[in-house]
N, C-alpha and C. Protein backbone atom coordinates (compact mmCIF):
# COMPACT_ATOMS: atom_id res chain seq x y z
N UNK A 1 0.81 -1.15 0.00
CA UNK A 1 0.00 0.00 0.00
C UNK A 1 0.87 1.24 0.00
N UNK A 2 0.70 1.99 -1.01
CA UNK A 2 1.47 3.20 -1.23
C UNK A 2 0.60 4.39 -0.83
N UNK A 3 1.19 5.30 -0.03
CA UNK A 3 0.40 6.46 0.35
C UNK A 3 0.18 7.37 -0.84
N UNK A 4 -0.96 7.95 -0.85
CA UNK A 4 -1.27 8.85 -1.95
C UNK A 4 -0.66 10.23 -1.68
N UNK A 5 -0.68 10.99 -2.75
CA UNK A 5 -0.08 12.33 -2.68
C UNK A 5 -0.85 13.20 -1.68
N UNK A 6 -2.12 13.08 -1.61
CA UNK A 6 -2.90 13.89 -0.69
C UNK A 6 -2.62 13.50 0.76
N UNK A 7 -2.33 12.23 1.00
CA UNK A 7 -2.00 11.81 2.35
C UNK A 7 -0.63 12.37 2.78
N UNK A 8 0.33 12.35 1.87
CA UNK A 8 1.67 12.90 2.17
C UNK A 8 1.57 14.40 2.42
N UNK A 9 0.73 15.07 1.61
CA UNK A 9 0.57 16.51 1.76
C UNK A 9 -0.07 16.81 3.12
N UNK A 10 -0.99 16.04 3.56
CA UNK A 10 -1.67 16.26 4.83
C UNK A 10 -0.69 16.05 5.99
N UNK A 11 0.16 15.03 5.91
CA UNK A 11 1.15 14.78 6.96
C UNK A 11 2.17 15.92 7.02
N UNK A 12 2.66 16.35 5.85
CA UNK A 12 3.64 17.45 5.81
C UNK A 12 3.03 18.77 6.29
N UNK A 13 1.77 19.02 5.97
CA UNK A 13 1.11 20.23 6.42
C UNK A 13 0.97 20.20 7.95
N UNK A 14 0.61 19.07 8.49
CA UNK A 14 0.49 18.95 9.95
C UNK A 14 1.84 19.14 10.63
N UNK A 15 2.90 18.57 10.04
CA UNK A 15 4.25 18.71 10.58
C UNK A 15 4.70 20.18 10.54
N UNK A 16 4.40 20.88 9.45
CA UNK A 16 4.74 22.31 9.34
C UNK A 16 3.97 23.12 10.38
N UNK A 17 2.71 22.80 10.60
CA UNK A 17 1.90 23.51 11.59
C UNK A 17 2.47 23.28 12.98
N UNK A 18 2.90 22.07 13.27
CA UNK A 18 3.49 21.76 14.56
C UNK A 18 4.80 22.54 14.77
N UNK A 19 5.65 22.61 13.76
CA UNK A 19 6.91 23.36 13.85
C UNK A 19 6.64 24.86 13.99
N UNK A 20 5.63 25.36 13.28
CA UNK A 20 5.28 26.78 13.39
C UNK A 20 4.78 27.09 14.80
N UNK A 21 4.02 26.21 15.38
CA UNK A 21 3.53 26.42 16.74
C UNK A 21 4.70 26.42 17.73
N UNK A 22 5.69 25.57 17.52
CA UNK A 22 6.85 25.52 18.40
C UNK A 22 7.66 26.82 18.30
N UNK A 23 7.83 27.35 17.11
CA UNK A 23 8.58 28.60 16.91
C UNK A 23 7.84 29.76 17.56
N UNK A 24 6.53 29.84 17.40
CA UNK A 24 5.75 30.92 17.99
C UNK A 24 5.82 30.83 19.51
N UNK A 25 5.74 29.63 20.04
CA UNK A 25 5.82 29.46 21.49
C UNK A 25 7.18 29.92 22.01
N UNK A 26 8.26 29.55 21.34
CA UNK A 26 9.61 29.95 21.77
C UNK A 26 9.77 31.46 21.69
N UNK A 27 9.17 32.08 20.71
CA UNK A 27 9.32 33.53 20.55
C UNK A 27 8.50 34.30 21.58
N UNK A 28 7.33 33.81 21.95
CA UNK A 28 6.44 34.54 22.83
C UNK A 28 6.46 34.06 24.28
N UNK A 29 7.08 32.97 24.56
CA UNK A 29 7.08 32.43 25.92
C UNK A 29 7.96 33.29 26.81
N UNK A 30 7.56 33.52 28.07
CA UNK A 30 8.41 34.29 28.98
C UNK A 30 9.66 33.50 29.34
N UNK A 31 10.77 34.24 29.46
CA UNK A 31 12.05 33.61 29.81
C UNK A 31 12.25 33.78 31.30
N UNK A 32 12.40 32.70 32.03
CA UNK A 32 12.60 32.83 33.48
C UNK A 32 13.98 33.41 33.78
N UNK A 33 14.06 34.21 34.86
CA UNK A 33 15.34 34.75 35.28
C UNK A 33 16.16 33.63 35.89
N UNK A 34 17.34 33.47 35.36
CA UNK A 34 18.20 32.40 35.85
C UNK A 34 19.44 33.01 36.48
N UNK A 35 19.75 32.64 37.67
CA UNK A 35 20.94 33.11 38.36
C UNK A 35 21.87 31.93 38.57
N UNK A 36 23.13 32.12 38.25
CA UNK A 36 24.06 31.02 38.50
C UNK A 36 24.22 30.82 40.00
N UNK A 37 24.54 29.62 40.40
CA UNK A 37 24.71 29.38 41.83
C UNK A 37 25.94 30.14 42.34
N UNK A 38 25.88 30.63 43.59
CA UNK A 38 27.05 31.36 44.11
C UNK A 38 28.24 30.42 44.24
N UNK A 39 29.47 30.98 44.03
CA UNK A 39 30.64 30.12 44.14
C UNK A 39 30.85 29.68 45.59
N UNK A 40 31.40 28.53 45.71
CA UNK A 40 31.69 28.01 47.04
C UNK A 40 32.84 28.79 47.64
N UNK A 41 32.76 29.13 48.93
CA UNK A 41 33.87 29.87 49.54
C UNK A 41 35.13 29.01 49.56
N UNK A 42 36.26 29.70 49.24
CA UNK A 42 37.55 29.02 49.20
C UNK A 42 38.38 29.53 50.36
N UNK A 43 38.87 28.63 51.14
CA UNK A 43 39.73 29.01 52.26
C UNK A 43 41.13 29.30 51.74
N UNK A 44 41.65 30.49 52.05
CA UNK A 44 43.00 30.88 51.61
C UNK A 44 43.93 30.71 52.80
N UNK A 45 44.91 29.90 52.59
CA UNK A 45 45.87 29.64 53.66
C UNK A 45 46.87 30.79 53.73
N UNK A 46 47.30 31.12 54.92
CA UNK A 46 48.31 32.16 55.11
C UNK A 46 49.64 31.65 54.59
N UNK A 47 50.45 32.54 53.97
CA UNK A 47 51.74 32.08 53.46
C UNK A 47 52.64 31.67 54.62
N UNK A 48 53.50 30.74 54.36
CA UNK A 48 54.41 30.31 55.43
C UNK A 48 55.37 31.44 55.78
N UNK A 49 55.83 31.51 57.00
CA UNK A 49 56.77 32.57 57.38
C UNK A 49 58.09 32.40 56.65
N UNK A 50 58.73 33.53 56.37
CA UNK A 50 60.00 33.51 55.66
C UNK A 50 61.09 32.96 56.58
N UNK A 51 61.93 32.13 55.99
CA UNK A 51 63.00 31.53 56.78
C UNK A 51 64.09 32.56 57.09
N UNK A 52 64.47 33.35 56.09
CA UNK A 52 65.53 34.35 56.26
C UNK A 52 64.93 35.74 56.16
N UNK A 53 65.10 36.53 57.15
CA UNK A 53 64.62 37.90 57.13
C UNK A 53 65.75 38.80 56.63
N UNK A 54 65.43 39.69 55.69
CA UNK A 54 66.42 40.58 55.12
C UNK A 54 66.47 41.86 55.96
N UNK A 55 67.65 42.21 56.38
CA UNK A 55 67.85 43.44 57.14
C UNK A 55 68.65 44.38 56.24
N UNK A 56 68.04 45.51 55.88
CA UNK A 56 68.72 46.45 55.00
C UNK A 56 69.72 47.28 55.79
N UNK A 57 70.84 47.61 55.16
CA UNK A 57 71.82 48.44 55.85
C UNK A 57 71.28 49.85 56.08
N UNK A 58 71.88 50.54 57.00
CA UNK A 58 71.45 51.91 57.28
C UNK A 58 71.88 52.84 56.15
N UNK A 59 71.30 54.02 56.13
CA UNK A 59 71.63 55.00 55.10
C UNK A 59 73.09 55.45 55.21
N UNK A 60 73.63 55.43 56.41
CA UNK A 60 75.02 55.84 56.61
C UNK A 60 76.00 54.89 55.93
N UNK A 61 75.60 53.65 55.72
CA UNK A 61 76.48 52.68 55.08
C UNK A 61 76.75 53.06 53.62
N UNK A 62 75.86 53.85 53.02
CA UNK A 62 76.02 54.24 51.62
C UNK A 62 76.55 55.67 51.47
N UNK A 63 76.99 56.28 52.54
CA UNK A 63 77.44 57.68 52.50
C UNK A 63 78.65 57.84 51.59
N UNK A 64 79.53 56.86 51.56
CA UNK A 64 80.73 56.95 50.73
C UNK A 64 80.39 57.01 49.25
N UNK A 65 79.34 56.32 48.84
CA UNK A 65 78.93 56.33 47.43
C UNK A 65 78.51 57.74 47.02
N UNK A 66 77.80 58.44 47.89
CA UNK A 66 77.37 59.79 47.57
C UNK A 66 78.49 60.81 47.62
N UNK A 67 79.59 60.50 48.30
CA UNK A 67 80.69 61.45 48.43
C UNK A 67 81.69 61.34 47.29
N UNK A 68 81.72 60.22 46.60
CA UNK A 68 82.71 60.03 45.54
C UNK A 68 81.99 59.69 44.23
N UNK A 69 82.56 60.15 43.14
CA UNK A 69 82.00 59.90 41.82
C UNK A 69 82.19 58.42 41.48
N UNK A 70 81.10 57.74 41.17
CA UNK A 70 81.16 56.31 40.89
C UNK A 70 81.89 56.02 39.59
N UNK A 71 81.80 56.89 38.60
CA UNK A 71 82.36 56.63 37.28
C UNK A 71 83.77 57.18 37.10
N UNK A 72 84.32 57.80 38.10
CA UNK A 72 85.68 58.34 38.02
C UNK A 72 86.64 57.25 38.47
N UNK A 73 87.60 56.87 37.62
CA UNK A 73 88.53 55.80 38.03
C UNK A 73 89.39 56.21 39.22
N UNK A 74 89.62 57.50 39.43
CA UNK A 74 90.44 57.95 40.55
C UNK A 74 89.63 57.97 41.85
N UNK A 75 88.30 58.00 41.73
CA UNK A 75 87.39 58.00 42.88
C UNK A 75 87.72 59.10 43.88
N UNK A 76 88.02 60.30 43.38
CA UNK A 76 88.28 61.44 44.26
C UNK A 76 86.97 61.97 44.81
N UNK A 77 86.97 62.52 46.01
CA UNK A 77 85.72 63.06 46.57
C UNK A 77 85.17 64.17 45.68
N UNK A 78 83.84 64.26 45.59
CA UNK A 78 83.18 65.29 44.79
C UNK A 78 83.33 66.63 45.48
N UNK A 79 83.49 67.69 44.67
CA UNK A 79 83.54 69.04 45.20
C UNK A 79 82.12 69.58 45.23
N UNK A 80 81.79 70.29 46.26
CA UNK A 80 80.46 70.89 46.32
C UNK A 80 80.42 72.10 45.40
N UNK A 81 79.21 72.52 45.05
CA UNK A 81 79.06 73.67 44.16
C UNK A 81 79.58 74.94 44.84
N UNK A 82 79.38 75.04 46.14
CA UNK A 82 79.85 76.23 46.85
C UNK A 82 81.38 76.27 46.89
N UNK A 83 82.01 75.12 47.07
CA UNK A 83 83.47 75.08 47.09
C UNK A 83 84.04 75.39 45.72
N UNK A 84 83.38 74.91 44.67
CA UNK A 84 83.86 75.17 43.31
C UNK A 84 83.72 76.64 42.95
N UNK A 85 82.61 77.27 43.37
CA UNK A 85 82.40 78.68 43.03
C UNK A 85 83.29 79.59 43.86
N UNK A 86 83.51 79.24 45.11
CA UNK A 86 84.29 80.11 45.98
C UNK A 86 85.77 79.85 45.90
N UNK A 87 86.19 78.86 45.15
CA UNK A 87 87.59 78.49 45.12
C UNK A 87 88.42 79.33 44.17
N UNK A 88 87.90 80.40 43.62
CA UNK A 88 88.67 81.22 42.70
C UNK A 88 88.60 80.68 41.29
N UNK A 89 89.64 80.94 40.51
CA UNK A 89 89.64 80.54 39.11
C UNK A 89 89.81 79.03 38.98
N UNK A 90 89.09 78.48 38.03
CA UNK A 90 89.18 77.06 37.72
C UNK A 90 90.22 76.88 36.64
N UNK A 91 91.00 75.81 36.71
CA UNK A 91 91.99 75.60 35.65
C UNK A 91 91.28 75.20 34.37
N UNK A 92 91.94 75.43 33.26
CA UNK A 92 91.34 75.14 31.96
C UNK A 92 91.07 73.64 31.81
N UNK A 93 91.86 72.82 32.48
CA UNK A 93 91.64 71.38 32.41
C UNK A 93 90.37 70.95 33.12
N UNK A 94 89.85 71.79 34.03
CA UNK A 94 88.62 71.45 34.74
C UNK A 94 87.37 71.73 33.91
N UNK A 95 87.48 72.62 32.93
CA UNK A 95 86.32 72.97 32.11
C UNK A 95 86.23 71.98 30.94
N UNK A 96 85.01 71.52 30.66
CA UNK A 96 84.79 70.60 29.55
C UNK A 96 83.66 71.14 28.70
N UNK A 97 83.88 71.24 27.41
CA UNK A 97 82.84 71.67 26.48
C UNK A 97 81.98 70.45 26.15
N UNK A 98 80.69 70.50 26.55
CA UNK A 98 79.82 69.34 26.33
C UNK A 98 78.77 69.60 25.26
N UNK A 99 78.64 70.85 24.80
CA UNK A 99 77.67 71.12 23.75
C UNK A 99 77.70 72.55 23.31
N UNK A 100 77.19 72.78 22.10
CA UNK A 100 77.07 74.13 21.54
C UNK A 100 75.68 74.24 20.93
N UNK A 101 75.01 75.34 21.22
CA UNK A 101 73.68 75.60 20.66
C UNK A 101 73.80 76.80 19.74
N UNK A 102 73.48 76.60 18.47
CA UNK A 102 73.49 77.67 17.48
C UNK A 102 72.08 77.78 16.92
N UNK A 103 71.44 78.93 17.15
CA UNK A 103 70.08 79.15 16.67
C UNK A 103 69.99 80.58 16.17
N UNK A 104 70.21 80.76 14.89
CA UNK A 104 70.20 82.11 14.32
C UNK A 104 71.34 82.92 14.91
N UNK A 105 71.01 84.04 15.55
CA UNK A 105 72.03 84.89 16.17
C UNK A 105 72.39 84.42 17.57
N UNK A 106 71.64 83.50 18.13
CA UNK A 106 71.91 83.01 19.49
C UNK A 106 72.97 81.92 19.44
N UNK A 107 74.02 82.12 20.23
CA UNK A 107 75.09 81.14 20.34
C UNK A 107 75.34 80.89 21.82
N UNK A 108 75.23 79.62 22.23
CA UNK A 108 75.45 79.25 23.63
C UNK A 108 76.47 78.12 23.68
N UNK A 109 77.34 78.20 24.65
CA UNK A 109 78.31 77.12 24.91
C UNK A 109 77.90 76.44 26.21
N UNK A 110 77.84 75.12 26.19
CA UNK A 110 77.51 74.34 27.38
C UNK A 110 78.80 73.79 27.96
N UNK A 111 79.18 74.31 29.13
CA UNK A 111 80.43 73.91 29.77
C UNK A 111 80.14 73.13 31.04
N UNK A 112 80.86 72.03 31.23
CA UNK A 112 80.76 71.24 32.46
C UNK A 112 81.83 71.74 33.41
N UNK A 113 81.42 72.12 34.62
CA UNK A 113 82.32 72.60 35.65
C UNK A 113 82.32 71.57 36.78
N UNK A 114 83.47 71.18 37.29
CA UNK A 114 83.50 70.21 38.39
C UNK A 114 82.71 70.71 39.59
N UNK A 115 81.96 69.82 40.20
CA UNK A 115 81.18 70.17 41.37
C UNK A 115 79.79 70.69 41.05
N UNK A 116 79.51 71.02 39.79
CA UNK A 116 78.19 71.49 39.39
C UNK A 116 77.38 70.29 38.89
N UNK A 117 76.12 70.18 39.29
CA UNK A 117 75.34 69.03 38.87
C UNK A 117 74.95 69.07 37.39
N UNK A 118 74.90 70.26 36.80
CA UNK A 118 74.51 70.38 35.39
C UNK A 118 75.50 71.27 34.67
N UNK A 119 75.51 71.15 33.35
CA UNK A 119 76.35 72.01 32.53
C UNK A 119 75.83 73.45 32.60
N UNK A 120 76.74 74.40 32.41
CA UNK A 120 76.40 75.82 32.48
C UNK A 120 76.35 76.36 31.06
N UNK A 121 75.28 77.08 30.71
CA UNK A 121 75.14 77.68 29.38
C UNK A 121 75.65 79.11 29.43
N UNK A 122 76.58 79.45 28.53
CA UNK A 122 77.19 80.78 28.51
C UNK A 122 77.12 81.36 27.11
N UNK A 123 76.83 82.68 27.03
CA UNK A 123 76.89 83.41 25.78
C UNK A 123 78.28 84.02 25.63
N UNK A 124 78.59 84.50 24.45
CA UNK A 124 79.86 85.18 24.24
C UNK A 124 79.90 86.43 25.12
N UNK A 125 81.00 86.61 25.83
CA UNK A 125 81.17 87.74 26.74
C UNK A 125 80.88 87.38 28.19
N UNK A 126 80.26 86.25 28.44
CA UNK A 126 79.95 85.85 29.81
C UNK A 126 81.19 85.31 30.50
N UNK A 127 81.21 85.40 31.83
CA UNK A 127 82.35 84.94 32.62
C UNK A 127 81.94 83.80 33.53
N UNK A 128 82.92 82.93 33.80
CA UNK A 128 82.70 81.80 34.71
C UNK A 128 84.00 81.47 35.40
N UNK A 129 84.05 81.64 36.71
CA UNK A 129 85.22 81.27 37.52
C UNK A 129 86.53 81.82 36.97
N UNK A 130 86.54 83.06 36.59
CA UNK A 130 87.78 83.69 36.11
C UNK A 130 88.03 83.52 34.62
N UNK A 131 87.16 82.87 33.90
CA UNK A 131 87.30 82.69 32.45
C UNK A 131 86.17 83.42 31.75
N UNK A 132 86.49 84.11 30.64
CA UNK A 132 85.49 84.83 29.86
C UNK A 132 85.39 84.19 28.49
N UNK A 133 84.14 83.96 28.03
CA UNK A 133 83.92 83.39 26.70
C UNK A 133 84.15 84.48 25.67
N UNK A 134 85.13 84.27 24.81
CA UNK A 134 85.49 85.26 23.79
C UNK A 134 84.74 84.98 22.49
N UNK A 135 84.66 83.72 22.09
CA UNK A 135 84.00 83.38 20.84
C UNK A 135 83.43 81.98 20.88
N UNK A 136 82.34 81.78 20.11
CA UNK A 136 81.70 80.47 20.03
C UNK A 136 81.59 80.09 18.57
N UNK A 137 82.18 78.96 18.21
CA UNK A 137 82.08 78.43 16.86
C UNK A 137 81.19 77.22 16.82
N UNK A 138 81.12 76.56 15.66
CA UNK A 138 80.23 75.41 15.54
C UNK A 138 80.75 74.19 16.30
N UNK A 139 82.07 74.11 16.52
CA UNK A 139 82.62 72.96 17.25
C UNK A 139 83.66 73.37 18.29
N UNK A 140 83.75 74.66 18.59
CA UNK A 140 84.77 75.11 19.54
C UNK A 140 84.36 76.39 20.24
N UNK A 141 84.96 76.61 21.40
CA UNK A 141 84.73 77.82 22.18
C UNK A 141 86.09 78.38 22.57
N UNK A 142 86.26 79.67 22.38
CA UNK A 142 87.49 80.34 22.78
C UNK A 142 87.22 81.08 24.08
N UNK A 143 88.08 80.82 25.09
CA UNK A 143 87.91 81.47 26.38
C UNK A 143 89.20 82.20 26.74
N UNK A 144 89.06 83.31 27.46
CA UNK A 144 90.17 84.16 27.86
C UNK A 144 90.29 84.09 29.37
N UNK A 145 91.50 83.87 29.85
CA UNK A 145 91.75 83.83 31.29
C UNK A 145 93.00 84.62 31.62
N UNK A 146 93.45 84.51 32.85
CA UNK A 146 94.64 85.23 33.30
C UNK A 146 95.88 84.76 32.55
N UNK A 147 95.91 83.53 32.12
CA UNK A 147 97.10 83.01 31.42
C UNK A 147 96.92 82.96 29.91
N UNK A 148 95.98 83.72 29.36
CA UNK A 148 95.84 83.81 27.91
C UNK A 148 94.57 83.16 27.40
N UNK A 149 94.52 83.04 26.06
CA UNK A 149 93.35 82.44 25.41
C UNK A 149 93.54 80.94 25.25
N UNK A 150 92.43 80.22 25.39
CA UNK A 150 92.44 78.77 25.20
C UNK A 150 91.23 78.41 24.36
N UNK A 151 91.36 77.34 23.59
CA UNK A 151 90.27 76.86 22.74
C UNK A 151 89.82 75.50 23.26
N UNK A 152 88.54 75.39 23.58
CA UNK A 152 87.95 74.12 23.96
C UNK A 152 87.22 73.57 22.74
N UNK A 153 87.57 72.35 22.33
CA UNK A 153 86.99 71.74 21.14
C UNK A 153 85.95 70.72 21.57
N UNK A 154 84.81 70.75 20.91
CA UNK A 154 83.75 69.78 21.17
C UNK A 154 84.19 68.41 20.69
N UNK A 155 83.99 67.38 21.49
CA UNK A 155 84.39 66.00 21.18
C UNK A 155 85.89 65.85 21.05
N UNK A 156 86.66 66.64 21.81
CA UNK A 156 88.11 66.54 21.72
C UNK A 156 88.61 65.19 22.20
N UNK A 157 87.92 64.54 23.13
CA UNK A 157 88.35 63.25 23.64
C UNK A 157 87.75 62.08 22.89
N UNK A 158 86.99 62.33 21.84
CA UNK A 158 86.33 61.28 21.08
C UNK A 158 87.31 60.61 20.14
N UNK A 159 87.13 59.33 19.90
CA UNK A 159 88.00 58.59 19.00
C UNK A 159 87.86 59.12 17.58
N UNK A 160 88.92 58.98 16.81
CA UNK A 160 88.90 59.44 15.43
C UNK A 160 87.92 58.60 14.63
N UNK A 161 87.26 59.20 13.62
CA UNK A 161 86.32 58.42 12.82
C UNK A 161 87.04 57.30 12.07
N UNK A 162 86.31 56.22 11.82
CA UNK A 162 86.89 55.07 11.13
C UNK A 162 87.14 55.41 9.67
N UNK A 163 88.20 54.85 9.12
CA UNK A 163 88.50 55.03 7.70
C UNK A 163 87.82 53.91 6.93
N UNK A 164 87.92 53.95 5.62
CA UNK A 164 87.29 52.93 4.77
C UNK A 164 87.90 51.56 5.06
N UNK A 165 89.19 51.50 5.34
CA UNK A 165 89.84 50.23 5.66
C UNK A 165 89.32 49.65 6.96
N UNK A 166 88.98 50.51 7.94
CA UNK A 166 88.43 50.04 9.21
C UNK A 166 87.02 49.49 9.03
N UNK A 167 86.26 50.06 8.09
CA UNK A 167 84.89 49.60 7.88
C UNK A 167 84.87 48.20 7.28
N UNK A 168 85.88 47.87 6.45
CA UNK A 168 85.92 46.53 5.86
C UNK A 168 86.27 45.48 6.88
N UNK A 169 87.11 45.82 7.87
CA UNK A 169 87.53 44.88 8.88
C UNK A 169 87.17 45.47 10.25
N UNK A 170 85.95 45.16 10.76
CA UNK A 170 85.53 45.79 12.01
C UNK A 170 86.36 45.36 13.21
N UNK A 171 87.02 44.23 13.15
CA UNK A 171 87.84 43.78 14.27
C UNK A 171 89.24 44.13 13.95
């Protein structure tokens, strides 16, 4: 016995009606508020006591580090700014040219003075510890003192640039 086409159509129509009713119910049915269960309390154990207690040294133990320059191989005591300023003229070997600022007509020389925490910016004609800035160039500063004129060159202690032969053999 083979089902007829009208019987198959009736079964499929009923199945479609049932599916449509399920979709309408899902769309219109109220959704209950669901709350997840609260987490179970977890007991946190206290950390075990430390076996070795660290005792930091006093501040006085580090006083020597603050009194001497760490990067100076001679490790001579640092001069205070007041001692450097009141000590009269500074020798030319104590002054170091660390930079030059050229901006239009403005020319500044940045000189490092021992005992000063920062470099000092000077214009031409300015004086510092018995030395007067006479001229400022792009890589040098001319200063006048009691023993004559001296020229401080920027990067005077820097290594000479590598030649083409050095570039081929870096070691």
